[in-house]
């Protein structure tokens, strides 16, 4: 059963709760190094998007878990990814850092898209769609979802900015042609390229939260 107009207005509260718990986990729970606390909190966080999809009666197609539009999505996402890759490499070169092959890069290219899939599901299928139901405007919803996900990557400013900018693009691409497979590949491969093309001291090995400050080269 699809939500009514009135219930849709409150849909944005779900991703706000999700992000609030994610921030709580990153800044308070994870640093405790106590699995008796970390596992239950992480379980709740992971379950929220799936419970939301069940509650709202989302179909797999609406969630972007589909292959019928993969050709159209691949063309659009591929073009955006290529443009993003050029910008990432150019910024690195301007900083005097040429792309370098780091240990485990092949493994990262193969496996990181799976982590990208999890993040894109949380951002597109859940956060963006729920906010869009509330505010109506895809552009406004994309901007809000991107800001929320950028905030989760604080205090890693370069990573937060890239996540926010990329998030807007990915959300709008998802709105146009909802497909998580292509977005997961885009997310995963751009993340690998980011680590190879930018100085390590910029990204702190993609760390976020308190661990950002404990990183050493």
N, C-alpha and C. Protein backbone atom coordinates (compact mmCIF):
# COMPACT_ATOMS: atom_id res chain seq x y z
N UNK A 1 0.85 -1.20 0.00
CA UNK A 1 0.00 0.00 0.00
C UNK A 1 0.88 1.25 0.00
N UNK A 2 0.62 2.15 -0.95
CA UNK A 2 1.39 3.38 -1.03
C UNK A 2 0.92 4.37 0.05
N UNK A 3 1.83 5.21 0.56
CA UNK A 3 1.45 6.17 1.58
C UNK A 3 0.54 7.24 1.02
N UNK A 4 -0.31 7.78 1.87
CA UNK A 4 -1.17 8.88 1.46
C UNK A 4 -0.34 10.15 1.40
N UNK A 5 -0.97 11.22 0.86
CA UNK A 5 -0.26 12.49 0.77
C UNK A 5 0.18 12.99 2.14
N UNK A 6 -0.71 12.84 3.13
CA UNK A 6 -0.38 13.30 4.47
C UNK A 6 0.77 12.51 5.07
N UNK A 7 0.75 11.18 4.87
CA UNK A 7 1.82 10.36 5.42
C UNK A 7 3.13 10.61 4.69
N UNK A 8 3.06 10.98 3.39
CA UNK A 8 4.27 11.27 2.63
C UNK A 8 4.98 12.49 3.16
N UNK A 9 4.21 13.44 3.72
CA UNK A 9 4.83 14.64 4.26
C UNK A 9 5.77 14.33 5.42
N UNK A 10 5.50 13.23 6.10
CA UNK A 10 6.36 12.85 7.21
C UNK A 10 7.45 11.87 6.83
N UNK A 11 7.55 11.54 5.53
CA UNK A 11 8.53 10.56 5.09
C UNK A 11 9.96 11.01 5.35
N UNK A 12 10.21 12.32 5.31
CA UNK A 12 11.56 12.83 5.51
C UNK A 12 12.08 12.57 6.92
N UNK A 13 11.18 12.33 7.86
CA UNK A 13 11.62 12.05 9.22
C UNK A 13 12.41 10.74 9.29
N UNK A 14 12.10 9.80 8.41
CA UNK A 14 12.79 8.50 8.42
C UNK A 14 14.27 8.65 8.09
N UNK A 15 14.63 9.31 6.97
CA UNK A 15 16.07 9.48 6.70
C UNK A 15 16.76 10.39 7.71
N UNK A 16 16.03 11.35 8.29
CA UNK A 16 16.64 12.19 9.31
C UNK A 16 17.02 11.35 10.54
N UNK A 17 16.14 10.42 10.92
CA UNK A 17 16.45 9.51 12.02
C UNK A 17 17.63 8.63 11.65
N UNK A 18 17.64 8.15 10.42
CA UNK A 18 18.71 7.28 9.93
C UNK A 18 20.06 7.98 10.02
N UNK A 19 20.13 9.20 9.52
CA UNK A 19 21.39 9.94 9.52
C UNK A 19 21.80 10.31 10.94
N UNK A 20 20.83 10.67 11.77
CA UNK A 20 21.14 11.00 13.16
C UNK A 20 21.76 9.81 13.89
N UNK A 21 21.21 8.62 13.65
CA UNK A 21 21.77 7.42 14.27
C UNK A 21 23.14 7.08 13.69
N UNK A 22 23.31 7.33 12.38
CA UNK A 22 24.61 7.09 11.76
C UNK A 22 25.68 7.99 12.36
N UNK A 23 25.32 9.26 12.58
CA UNK A 23 26.26 10.19 13.21
C UNK A 23 26.56 9.78 14.66
N UNK A 24 25.53 9.34 15.35
CA UNK A 24 25.72 8.86 16.72
C UNK A 24 26.68 7.68 16.74
N UNK A 25 26.52 6.79 15.77
CA UNK A 25 27.40 5.62 15.70
C UNK A 25 28.84 6.03 15.43
N UNK A 26 29.03 6.91 14.44
CA UNK A 26 30.39 7.31 14.04
C UNK A 26 31.11 8.04 15.16
N UNK A 27 30.40 8.94 15.84
CA UNK A 27 31.06 9.83 16.80
C UNK A 27 31.05 9.31 18.24
N UNK A 28 30.08 8.49 18.59
CA UNK A 28 29.95 8.07 19.99
C UNK A 28 30.10 6.56 20.16
N UNK A 29 29.36 5.79 19.38
CA UNK A 29 29.32 4.34 19.59
C UNK A 29 30.58 3.65 19.10
N UNK A 30 30.98 3.90 17.88
CA UNK A 30 32.15 3.21 17.31
C UNK A 30 33.43 3.43 18.12
N UNK A 31 33.70 4.65 18.58
CA UNK A 31 34.93 4.84 19.36
C UNK A 31 34.98 4.06 20.67
N UNK A 32 33.83 3.57 21.17
CA UNK A 32 33.85 2.80 22.41
C UNK A 32 34.54 1.46 22.23
N UNK A 33 34.59 0.97 20.97
CA UNK A 33 35.19 -0.32 20.67
C UNK A 33 34.51 -1.45 21.46
N UNK A 34 33.23 -1.25 21.74
CA UNK A 34 32.45 -2.24 22.50
C UNK A 34 31.39 -2.85 21.59
N UNK A 35 31.60 -4.11 21.19
CA UNK A 35 30.68 -4.75 20.25
C UNK A 35 29.28 -4.95 20.83
N UNK A 36 29.18 -5.01 22.16
CA UNK A 36 27.86 -5.16 22.77
C UNK A 36 26.99 -3.92 22.53
N UNK A 37 27.64 -2.81 22.28
CA UNK A 37 26.91 -1.57 21.96
C UNK A 37 26.87 -1.36 20.45
N UNK A 38 28.01 -1.58 19.81
CA UNK A 38 28.12 -1.28 18.39
C UNK A 38 27.20 -2.14 17.52
N UNK A 39 27.15 -3.43 17.79
CA UNK A 39 26.37 -4.34 16.94
C UNK A 39 24.87 -4.02 16.98
N UNK A 40 24.26 -3.85 18.16
CA UNK A 40 22.83 -3.50 18.17
C UNK A 40 22.52 -2.19 17.47
N UNK A 41 23.35 -1.17 17.70
CA UNK A 41 23.10 0.14 17.07
C UNK A 41 23.24 0.02 15.56
N UNK A 42 24.28 -0.66 15.09
CA UNK A 42 24.47 -0.83 13.65
C UNK A 42 23.34 -1.65 13.04
N UNK A 43 22.84 -2.63 13.77
CA UNK A 43 21.73 -3.43 13.27
C UNK A 43 20.49 -2.58 13.05
N UNK A 44 20.20 -1.70 14.00
CA UNK A 44 19.05 -0.81 13.87
C UNK A 44 19.23 0.11 12.66
N UNK A 45 20.43 0.65 12.50
CA UNK A 45 20.70 1.56 11.38
C UNK A 45 20.49 0.85 10.05
N UNK A 46 21.00 -0.35 9.93
CA UNK A 46 20.89 -1.12 8.69
C UNK A 46 19.44 -1.46 8.38
N UNK A 47 18.66 -1.75 9.42
CA UNK A 47 17.28 -2.18 9.21
C UNK A 47 16.34 -1.04 8.80
N UNK A 48 16.66 0.18 9.18
CA UNK A 48 15.74 1.30 8.92
C UNK A 48 15.35 1.42 7.45
N UNK A 49 16.29 1.42 6.49
CA UNK A 49 15.87 1.56 5.09
C UNK A 49 14.98 0.41 4.61
N UNK A 50 15.25 -0.81 5.09
CA UNK A 50 14.46 -1.95 4.64
C UNK A 50 13.06 -1.95 5.27
N UNK A 51 12.98 -1.55 6.52
CA UNK A 51 11.68 -1.42 7.17
C UNK A 51 10.87 -0.33 6.48
N UNK A 52 11.53 0.75 6.11
CA UNK A 52 10.85 1.84 5.40
C UNK A 52 10.30 1.37 4.07
N UNK A 53 11.10 0.60 3.32
CA UNK A 53 10.64 0.09 2.02
C UNK A 53 9.42 -0.80 2.19
N UNK A 54 9.42 -1.63 3.22
CA UNK A 54 8.27 -2.52 3.48
C UNK A 54 7.06 -1.69 3.89
N UNK A 55 7.29 -0.71 4.74
CA UNK A 55 6.19 0.13 5.24
C UNK A 55 5.51 0.89 4.11
N UNK A 56 6.31 1.38 3.17
CA UNK A 56 5.77 2.19 2.08
C UNK A 56 5.36 1.36 0.86
N UNK A 57 5.60 0.06 0.91
CA UNK A 57 5.22 -0.81 -0.20
C UNK A 57 6.04 -0.57 -1.46
N UNK A 58 7.33 -0.25 -1.29
CA UNK A 58 8.18 0.02 -2.45
C UNK A 58 8.43 -1.26 -3.25
N UNK A 59 8.36 -1.15 -4.57
CA UNK A 59 8.69 -2.28 -5.43
C UNK A 59 10.19 -2.29 -5.71
N UNK A 60 10.71 -3.42 -6.18
CA UNK A 60 12.13 -3.51 -6.50
C UNK A 60 12.51 -2.51 -7.58
N UNK A 61 11.62 -2.32 -8.54
CA UNK A 61 11.89 -1.35 -9.61
C UNK A 61 12.01 0.05 -9.08
N UNK A 62 11.13 0.43 -8.16
CA UNK A 62 11.18 1.77 -7.57
C UNK A 62 12.46 1.96 -6.76
N UNK A 63 12.95 0.88 -6.18
CA UNK A 63 14.17 0.95 -5.38
C UNK A 63 15.42 0.97 -6.25
N UNK A 64 15.25 0.75 -7.55
CA UNK A 64 16.40 0.75 -8.45
C UNK A 64 17.05 -0.60 -8.60
N UNK A 65 16.45 -1.63 -8.03
CA UNK A 65 16.98 -2.99 -8.14
C UNK A 65 16.35 -3.65 -9.36
N UNK A 66 16.90 -3.32 -10.54
CA UNK A 66 16.29 -3.74 -11.79
C UNK A 66 17.35 -3.76 -12.89
N UNK A 67 17.03 -4.45 -14.00
CA UNK A 67 17.96 -4.50 -15.12
C UNK A 67 17.29 -4.07 -16.43
N UNK A 68 15.98 -3.81 -16.40
CA UNK A 68 15.28 -3.47 -17.64
C UNK A 68 15.71 -2.13 -18.22
N UNK A 69 16.23 -1.24 -17.37
CA UNK A 69 16.66 0.08 -17.85
C UNK A 69 18.18 0.27 -17.75
N UNK A 70 18.89 -0.85 -17.63
CA UNK A 70 20.33 -0.75 -17.34
C UNK A 70 21.10 -0.11 -18.49
N UNK A 71 20.64 -0.31 -19.73
CA UNK A 71 21.33 0.30 -20.86
C UNK A 71 21.25 1.81 -20.83
N UNK A 72 20.04 2.33 -20.63
CA UNK A 72 19.85 3.78 -20.57
C UNK A 72 20.59 4.36 -19.37
N UNK A 73 20.52 3.67 -18.24
CA UNK A 73 21.20 4.16 -17.03
C UNK A 73 22.71 4.14 -17.22
N UNK A 74 23.22 3.08 -17.84
CA UNK A 74 24.67 2.96 -18.04
C UNK A 74 25.20 4.11 -18.90
N UNK A 75 24.44 4.50 -19.91
CA UNK A 75 24.87 5.60 -20.78
C UNK A 75 24.92 6.91 -20.00
N UNK A 76 23.89 7.17 -19.19
CA UNK A 76 23.83 8.41 -18.44
C UNK A 76 24.85 8.43 -17.31
N UNK A 77 24.87 7.37 -16.53
CA UNK A 77 25.80 7.30 -15.40
C UNK A 77 27.24 7.22 -15.88
N UNK A 78 27.45 6.49 -16.98
CA UNK A 78 28.80 6.38 -17.53
C UNK A 78 29.35 7.72 -17.94
N UNK A 79 28.53 8.55 -18.59
CA UNK A 79 28.97 9.88 -19.01
C UNK A 79 29.30 10.74 -17.80
N UNK A 80 28.44 10.69 -16.78
CA UNK A 80 28.67 11.48 -15.57
C UNK A 80 29.92 11.00 -14.82
N UNK A 81 30.12 9.68 -14.80
CA UNK A 81 31.30 9.11 -14.13
C UNK A 81 32.58 9.51 -14.84
N UNK A 82 32.55 9.48 -16.17
CA UNK A 82 33.73 9.88 -16.94
C UNK A 82 34.08 11.35 -16.67
N UNK A 83 33.05 12.19 -16.64
CA UNK A 83 33.28 13.61 -16.34
C UNK A 83 33.84 13.77 -14.93
N UNK A 84 33.29 13.02 -13.98
CA UNK A 84 33.78 13.09 -12.61
C UNK A 84 35.22 12.62 -12.50
N UNK A 85 35.56 11.57 -13.24
CA UNK A 85 36.92 11.04 -13.21
C UNK A 85 37.91 12.06 -13.74
N UNK A 86 37.54 12.77 -14.80
CA UNK A 86 38.41 13.80 -15.36
C UNK A 86 38.66 14.90 -14.34
N UNK A 87 37.61 15.32 -13.65
CA UNK A 87 37.74 16.38 -12.64
C UNK A 87 38.63 15.91 -11.49
N UNK A 88 38.42 14.69 -11.03
CA UNK A 88 39.21 14.15 -9.91
C UNK A 88 40.69 14.11 -10.27
N UNK A 89 41.00 13.58 -11.44
CA UNK A 89 42.41 13.49 -11.87
C UNK A 89 43.00 14.88 -12.05
N UNK A 90 42.23 15.80 -12.64
CA UNK A 90 42.73 17.15 -12.88
C UNK A 90 43.06 17.85 -11.57
N UNK A 91 42.20 17.70 -10.56
CA UNK A 91 42.47 18.32 -9.25
C UNK A 91 43.74 17.75 -8.65
N UNK A 92 43.91 16.43 -8.76
CA UNK A 92 45.12 15.81 -8.25
C UNK A 92 46.37 16.31 -8.94
N UNK A 93 46.30 16.46 -10.27
CA UNK A 93 47.45 16.95 -11.02
C UNK A 93 47.78 18.39 -10.66
N UNK A 94 46.75 19.21 -10.46
CA UNK A 94 46.97 20.60 -10.06
C UNK A 94 47.64 20.68 -8.69
N UNK A 95 47.39 19.65 -7.88
CA UNK A 95 48.02 19.60 -6.55
C UNK A 95 49.41 18.96 -6.62
N UNK A 96 49.85 18.61 -7.84
CA UNK A 96 51.16 18.01 -8.01
C UNK A 96 51.21 16.54 -7.69
N UNK A 97 50.04 15.86 -7.77
CA UNK A 97 49.99 14.44 -7.44
C UNK A 97 49.41 13.66 -8.62
N UNK A 98 50.27 12.89 -9.29
CA UNK A 98 49.81 12.07 -10.41
C UNK A 98 49.15 10.80 -9.87
N UNK A 99 48.14 10.27 -10.56
CA UNK A 99 47.50 9.02 -10.12
C UNK A 99 48.53 7.92 -9.95
N UNK A 100 48.41 7.17 -8.86
CA UNK A 100 49.35 6.09 -8.59
C UNK A 100 48.62 4.81 -8.25
N UNK A 101 49.24 3.71 -8.63
CA UNK A 101 48.67 2.40 -8.33
C UNK A 101 49.09 1.98 -6.94
N UNK A 102 48.12 1.82 -6.05
CA UNK A 102 48.42 1.46 -4.67
C UNK A 102 48.18 -0.04 -4.45
N UNK A 103 48.78 -0.63 -3.42
CA UNK A 103 48.57 -2.05 -3.14
C UNK A 103 47.09 -2.37 -2.97
N UNK A 104 46.65 -3.46 -3.60
CA UNK A 104 45.26 -3.89 -3.47
C UNK A 104 44.29 -3.16 -4.35
N UNK A 105 44.78 -2.40 -5.34
CA UNK A 105 43.87 -1.59 -6.15
C UNK A 105 42.96 -2.46 -7.01
N UNK A 106 43.47 -3.59 -7.51
CA UNK A 106 42.63 -4.48 -8.32
C UNK A 106 41.50 -5.06 -7.47
N UNK A 107 41.84 -5.47 -6.28
CA UNK A 107 40.82 -5.99 -5.35
C UNK A 107 39.79 -4.91 -5.03
N UNK A 108 40.25 -3.68 -4.85
CA UNK A 108 39.34 -2.58 -4.55
C UNK A 108 38.40 -2.32 -5.73
N UNK A 109 38.93 -2.37 -6.95
CA UNK A 109 38.10 -2.14 -8.13
C UNK A 109 36.99 -3.18 -8.22
N UNK A 110 37.30 -4.41 -7.83
CA UNK A 110 36.33 -5.50 -7.92
C UNK A 110 35.32 -5.47 -6.77
N UNK A 111 35.78 -5.11 -5.57
CA UNK A 111 34.94 -5.25 -4.38
C UNK A 111 34.28 -3.96 -3.91
N UNK A 112 34.91 -2.80 -4.15
CA UNK A 112 34.37 -1.57 -3.60
C UNK A 112 32.98 -1.21 -4.13
N UNK A 113 32.64 -1.60 -5.38
CA UNK A 113 31.27 -1.33 -5.83
C UNK A 113 30.19 -1.97 -4.96
N UNK A 114 30.52 -3.06 -4.25
CA UNK A 114 29.53 -3.66 -3.36
C UNK A 114 29.25 -2.73 -2.17
N UNK A 115 30.29 -2.08 -1.66
CA UNK A 115 30.10 -1.07 -0.61
C UNK A 115 29.37 0.13 -1.19
N UNK A 116 29.69 0.43 -2.45
CA UNK A 116 28.98 1.51 -3.14
C UNK A 116 27.50 1.21 -3.28
N UNK A 117 27.16 -0.06 -3.52
CA UNK A 117 25.76 -0.46 -3.63
C UNK A 117 25.02 -0.22 -2.32
N UNK A 118 25.65 -0.57 -1.21
CA UNK A 118 25.02 -0.36 0.09
C UNK A 118 24.78 1.13 0.34
N UNK A 119 25.77 1.95 0.01
CA UNK A 119 25.63 3.38 0.24
C UNK A 119 24.62 4.02 -0.71
N UNK A 120 24.61 3.56 -1.96
CA UNK A 120 23.65 4.11 -2.92
C UNK A 120 22.22 3.70 -2.57
N UNK A 121 22.06 2.50 -2.04
CA UNK A 121 20.72 2.09 -1.60
C UNK A 121 20.25 3.03 -0.48
N UNK A 122 21.13 3.28 0.47
CA UNK A 122 20.77 4.15 1.58
C UNK A 122 20.49 5.57 1.10
N UNK A 123 21.28 6.05 0.13
CA UNK A 123 21.12 7.42 -0.34
C UNK A 123 19.96 7.58 -1.31
N UNK A 124 19.93 6.72 -2.36
CA UNK A 124 18.93 6.89 -3.41
C UNK A 124 17.59 6.24 -3.07
N UNK A 125 17.64 4.92 -2.82
CA UNK A 125 16.40 4.17 -2.63
C UNK A 125 15.65 4.58 -1.38
N UNK A 126 16.40 5.03 -0.39
CA UNK A 126 15.77 5.39 0.88
C UNK A 126 15.75 6.91 1.11
N UNK A 127 16.91 7.52 1.36
CA UNK A 127 16.94 8.93 1.76
C UNK A 127 16.35 9.85 0.69
N UNK A 128 16.85 9.77 -0.53
CA UNK A 128 16.36 10.65 -1.60
C UNK A 128 14.89 10.44 -1.86
N UNK A 129 14.43 9.19 -1.95
CA UNK A 129 13.02 8.93 -2.29
C UNK A 129 12.09 9.40 -1.18
N UNK A 130 12.46 9.17 0.07
CA UNK A 130 11.60 9.60 1.17
C UNK A 130 11.52 11.12 1.25
N UNK A 131 12.65 11.80 1.05
CA UNK A 131 12.63 13.27 1.08
C UNK A 131 11.85 13.80 -0.12
N UNK A 132 12.01 13.19 -1.27
CA UNK A 132 11.28 13.62 -2.46
C UNK A 132 9.78 13.50 -2.26
N UNK A 133 9.36 12.47 -1.56
CA UNK A 133 7.93 12.31 -1.26
C UNK A 133 7.42 13.46 -0.39
N UNK A 134 8.31 13.99 0.43
CA UNK A 134 7.90 15.06 1.35
C UNK A 134 7.95 16.43 0.70
N UNK A 135 9.01 16.72 -0.05
CA UNK A 135 9.19 18.08 -0.58
C UNK A 135 8.71 18.23 -2.01
N UNK A 136 8.57 17.10 -2.73
CA UNK A 136 8.06 17.16 -4.10
C UNK A 136 9.11 17.44 -5.15
N UNK A 137 9.99 18.39 -4.93
CA UNK A 137 11.00 18.78 -5.91
C UNK A 137 12.18 17.82 -5.92
N UNK A 138 12.48 17.18 -7.06
CA UNK A 138 13.64 16.28 -7.12
C UNK A 138 14.95 16.99 -6.85
N UNK A 139 15.10 18.22 -7.33
CA UNK A 139 16.34 18.97 -7.12
C UNK A 139 16.53 19.29 -5.64
N UNK A 140 15.47 19.74 -5.00
CA UNK A 140 15.56 20.04 -3.56
C UNK A 140 15.84 18.77 -2.77
N UNK A 141 15.17 17.68 -3.13
CA UNK A 141 15.38 16.41 -2.44
C UNK A 141 16.80 15.91 -2.64
N UNK A 142 17.32 16.04 -3.87
CA UNK A 142 18.69 15.61 -4.15
C UNK A 142 19.69 16.42 -3.34
N UNK A 143 19.47 17.72 -3.24
CA UNK A 143 20.36 18.60 -2.49
C UNK A 143 20.35 18.25 -1.00
N UNK A 144 19.16 18.00 -0.47
CA UNK A 144 19.04 17.68 0.95
C UNK A 144 19.67 16.33 1.26
N UNK A 145 19.42 15.34 0.42
CA UNK A 145 19.99 14.02 0.63
C UNK A 145 21.51 14.07 0.56
N UNK A 146 22.03 14.85 -0.40
CA UNK A 146 23.47 14.96 -0.56
C UNK A 146 24.13 15.64 0.64
N UNK A 147 23.49 16.67 1.16
CA UNK A 147 24.02 17.36 2.34
C UNK A 147 24.04 16.43 3.54
N UNK A 148 22.99 15.65 3.71
CA UNK A 148 22.93 14.71 4.83
C UNK A 148 24.07 13.68 4.74
N UNK A 149 24.30 13.15 3.54
CA UNK A 149 25.35 12.15 3.41
C UNK A 149 26.73 12.78 3.47
N UNK A 150 26.84 14.02 3.04
CA UNK A 150 28.11 14.71 3.22
C UNK A 150 28.43 14.90 4.69
N UNK A 151 27.40 15.20 5.48
CA UNK A 151 27.58 15.42 6.91
C UNK A 151 28.09 14.17 7.62
N UNK A 152 27.66 13.01 7.15
CA UNK A 152 28.10 11.76 7.77
C UNK A 152 29.61 11.57 7.60
N UNK A 153 30.20 12.19 6.58
CA UNK A 153 31.63 12.02 6.31
C UNK A 153 32.49 13.09 7.00
N UNK A 154 31.89 13.92 7.83
CA UNK A 154 32.65 14.92 8.57
C UNK A 154 33.53 14.26 9.61
N UNK A 155 34.74 14.77 9.92
CA UNK A 155 35.34 16.04 9.53
C UNK A 155 36.25 15.95 8.31
N UNK A 156 36.12 14.87 7.54
CA UNK A 156 36.93 14.71 6.33
C UNK A 156 36.36 15.62 5.25
N UNK A 157 36.78 16.89 5.27
CA UNK A 157 36.18 17.90 4.41
C UNK A 157 36.25 17.55 2.92
N UNK A 158 37.41 17.13 2.38
CA UNK A 158 37.43 16.77 0.96
C UNK A 158 36.45 15.66 0.63
N UNK A 159 36.39 14.64 1.49
CA UNK A 159 35.47 13.53 1.25
C UNK A 159 34.02 13.96 1.40
N UNK A 160 33.74 14.82 2.38
CA UNK A 160 32.37 15.32 2.57
C UNK A 160 31.91 16.13 1.36
N UNK A 161 32.80 16.98 0.83
CA UNK A 161 32.45 17.79 -0.33
C UNK A 161 32.22 16.92 -1.56
N UNK A 162 33.10 15.97 -1.79
CA UNK A 162 32.96 15.07 -2.94
C UNK A 162 31.67 14.25 -2.82
N UNK A 163 31.39 13.78 -1.61
CA UNK A 163 30.17 13.00 -1.38
C UNK A 163 28.93 13.84 -1.66
N UNK A 164 28.94 15.09 -1.21
CA UNK A 164 27.79 15.96 -1.41
C UNK A 164 27.59 16.29 -2.88
N UNK A 165 28.67 16.65 -3.56
CA UNK A 165 28.56 16.99 -4.98
C UNK A 165 28.15 15.76 -5.80
N UNK A 166 28.85 14.66 -5.56
CA UNK A 166 28.49 13.43 -6.26
C UNK A 166 27.09 12.98 -5.92
N UNK A 167 26.69 13.20 -4.66
CA UNK A 167 25.36 12.79 -4.24
C UNK A 167 24.26 13.48 -5.01
N UNK A 168 24.41 14.77 -5.26
CA UNK A 168 23.40 15.50 -6.04
C UNK A 168 23.28 14.90 -7.43
N UNK A 169 24.42 14.66 -8.07
CA UNK A 169 24.41 14.08 -9.42
C UNK A 169 23.79 12.69 -9.42
N UNK A 170 24.21 11.85 -8.49
CA UNK A 170 23.67 10.48 -8.44
C UNK A 170 22.17 10.48 -8.17
N UNK A 171 21.71 11.37 -7.29
CA UNK A 171 20.28 11.43 -6.99
C UNK A 171 19.47 11.82 -8.22
N UNK A 172 19.95 12.81 -8.96
CA UNK A 172 19.22 13.26 -10.15
C UNK A 172 19.25 12.20 -11.24
N UNK A 173 20.38 11.48 -11.36
CA UNK A 173 20.45 10.38 -12.31
C UNK A 173 19.48 9.27 -11.92
N UNK A 174 19.40 9.00 -10.62
CA UNK A 174 18.47 7.98 -10.13
C UNK A 174 17.03 8.39 -10.39
N UNK A 175 16.74 9.66 -10.19
CA UNK A 175 15.39 10.16 -10.44
C UNK A 175 15.01 9.97 -11.90
N UNK A 176 15.97 10.21 -12.77
CA UNK A 176 15.70 10.11 -14.21
C UNK A 176 15.58 8.66 -14.66
N UNK A 177 16.50 7.82 -14.22
CA UNK A 177 16.51 6.40 -14.60
C UNK A 177 16.96 5.59 -13.39
N UNK A 178 16.03 5.16 -12.54
CA UNK A 178 16.41 4.50 -11.29
C UNK A 178 17.06 3.12 -11.49
N UNK A 179 18.37 3.07 -11.26
CA UNK A 179 19.10 1.81 -11.35
C UNK A 179 20.29 1.86 -10.41
N UNK A 180 20.31 0.98 -9.42
CA UNK A 180 21.37 1.00 -8.42
C UNK A 180 22.65 0.33 -8.90
N UNK A 181 22.55 -0.56 -9.87
CA UNK A 181 23.72 -1.29 -10.34
C UNK A 181 24.75 -0.33 -10.93
N UNK A 182 24.29 0.52 -11.83
CA UNK A 182 25.21 1.46 -12.47
C UNK A 182 25.74 2.49 -11.46
N UNK A 183 24.90 2.92 -10.54
CA UNK A 183 25.34 3.89 -9.54
C UNK A 183 26.36 3.28 -8.58
N UNK A 184 26.18 2.00 -8.26
CA UNK A 184 27.14 1.32 -7.38
C UNK A 184 28.52 1.23 -8.04
N UNK A 185 28.54 0.94 -9.34
CA UNK A 185 29.81 0.88 -10.06
C UNK A 185 30.45 2.27 -10.12
N UNK A 186 29.64 3.29 -10.40
CA UNK A 186 30.14 4.65 -10.44
C UNK A 186 30.74 5.05 -9.10
N UNK A 187 30.01 4.79 -8.03
CA UNK A 187 30.45 5.13 -6.68
C UNK A 187 31.75 4.41 -6.34
N UNK A 188 31.76 3.10 -6.57
CA UNK A 188 32.92 2.30 -6.21
C UNK A 188 34.18 2.69 -6.97
N UNK A 189 34.04 2.83 -8.28
CA UNK A 189 35.22 3.13 -9.09
C UNK A 189 35.72 4.55 -8.90
N UNK A 190 34.82 5.50 -8.70
CA UNK A 190 35.28 6.87 -8.43
C UNK A 190 35.98 6.96 -7.07
N UNK A 191 35.52 6.17 -6.11
CA UNK A 191 36.17 6.17 -4.80
C UNK A 191 37.59 5.61 -4.91
N UNK A 192 37.76 4.55 -5.69
CA UNK A 192 39.09 3.97 -5.90
C UNK A 192 39.99 4.99 -6.61
N UNK A 193 39.44 5.65 -7.62
CA UNK A 193 40.22 6.65 -8.35
C UNK A 193 40.60 7.81 -7.44
N UNK A 194 39.69 8.21 -6.57
CA UNK A 194 39.95 9.32 -5.66
C UNK A 194 41.17 9.03 -4.79
N UNK A 195 41.23 7.82 -4.26
CA UNK A 195 42.36 7.45 -3.41
C UNK A 195 43.66 7.40 -4.20
N UNK A 196 43.57 7.03 -5.49
CA UNK A 196 44.78 6.92 -6.31
C UNK A 196 45.24 8.28 -6.82
N UNK A 197 44.29 9.20 -7.05
CA UNK A 197 44.62 10.45 -7.71
C UNK A 197 44.90 11.61 -6.76
N UNK A 198 44.42 11.54 -5.53
CA UNK A 198 44.62 12.66 -4.59
C UNK A 198 45.65 12.31 -3.54
N UNK A 199 46.35 13.30 -3.02
CA UNK A 199 47.34 13.05 -1.96
C UNK A 199 46.69 12.38 -0.75
N UNK A 200 47.41 11.44 -0.17
CA UNK A 200 46.86 10.68 0.97
C UNK A 200 46.50 11.59 2.14
N UNK A 201 47.28 12.67 2.31
CA UNK A 201 47.01 13.57 3.44
C UNK A 201 45.71 14.35 3.27
N UNK A 202 45.16 14.37 2.09
CA UNK A 202 43.87 15.01 1.88
C UNK A 202 42.72 14.16 2.42
N UNK A 203 42.82 12.86 2.20
CA UNK A 203 41.68 11.96 2.45
C UNK A 203 41.80 11.14 3.72
N UNK A 204 43.02 11.05 4.28
CA UNK A 204 43.22 10.28 5.51
C UNK A 204 42.66 8.85 5.38
N UNK A 205 42.90 8.25 4.22
CA UNK A 205 42.43 6.88 3.96
C UNK A 205 40.92 6.76 4.09
N UNK A 206 40.21 7.83 3.69
CA UNK A 206 38.74 7.88 3.70
C UNK A 206 38.16 7.75 5.10
N UNK A 207 38.93 8.10 6.11
CA UNK A 207 38.42 8.01 7.48
C UNK A 207 37.45 9.14 7.79
N UNK A 208 36.48 8.85 8.67
CA UNK A 208 35.52 9.85 9.11
C UNK A 208 35.39 9.77 10.62
N UNK A 209 34.74 10.78 11.21
CA UNK A 209 34.58 10.78 12.66
C UNK A 209 35.91 10.99 13.38
N UNK A 210 35.99 10.60 14.66
CA UNK A 210 37.20 10.82 15.45
C UNK A 210 38.44 10.14 14.87
N UNK A 211 38.27 9.03 14.15
CA UNK A 211 39.43 8.33 13.60
C UNK A 211 40.12 9.15 12.52
N UNK A 212 39.47 10.17 12.01
CA UNK A 212 40.08 11.04 11.01
C UNK A 212 41.35 11.68 11.57
N UNK A 213 41.31 12.06 12.84
CA UNK A 213 42.45 12.76 13.44
C UNK A 213 43.56 11.80 13.91
N UNK A 214 43.28 10.52 13.97
CA UNK A 214 44.29 9.57 14.43
C UNK A 214 45.05 8.93 13.26
N UNK A 215 44.67 9.31 12.02
CA UNK A 215 45.33 8.73 10.84
C UNK A 215 46.77 9.21 10.76
N UNK A 216 47.66 8.28 10.39
CA UNK A 216 49.05 8.63 10.13
C UNK A 216 49.45 8.07 8.78
N UNK A 217 50.30 8.76 8.03
CA UNK A 217 50.73 8.29 6.70
C UNK A 217 51.41 6.94 6.77
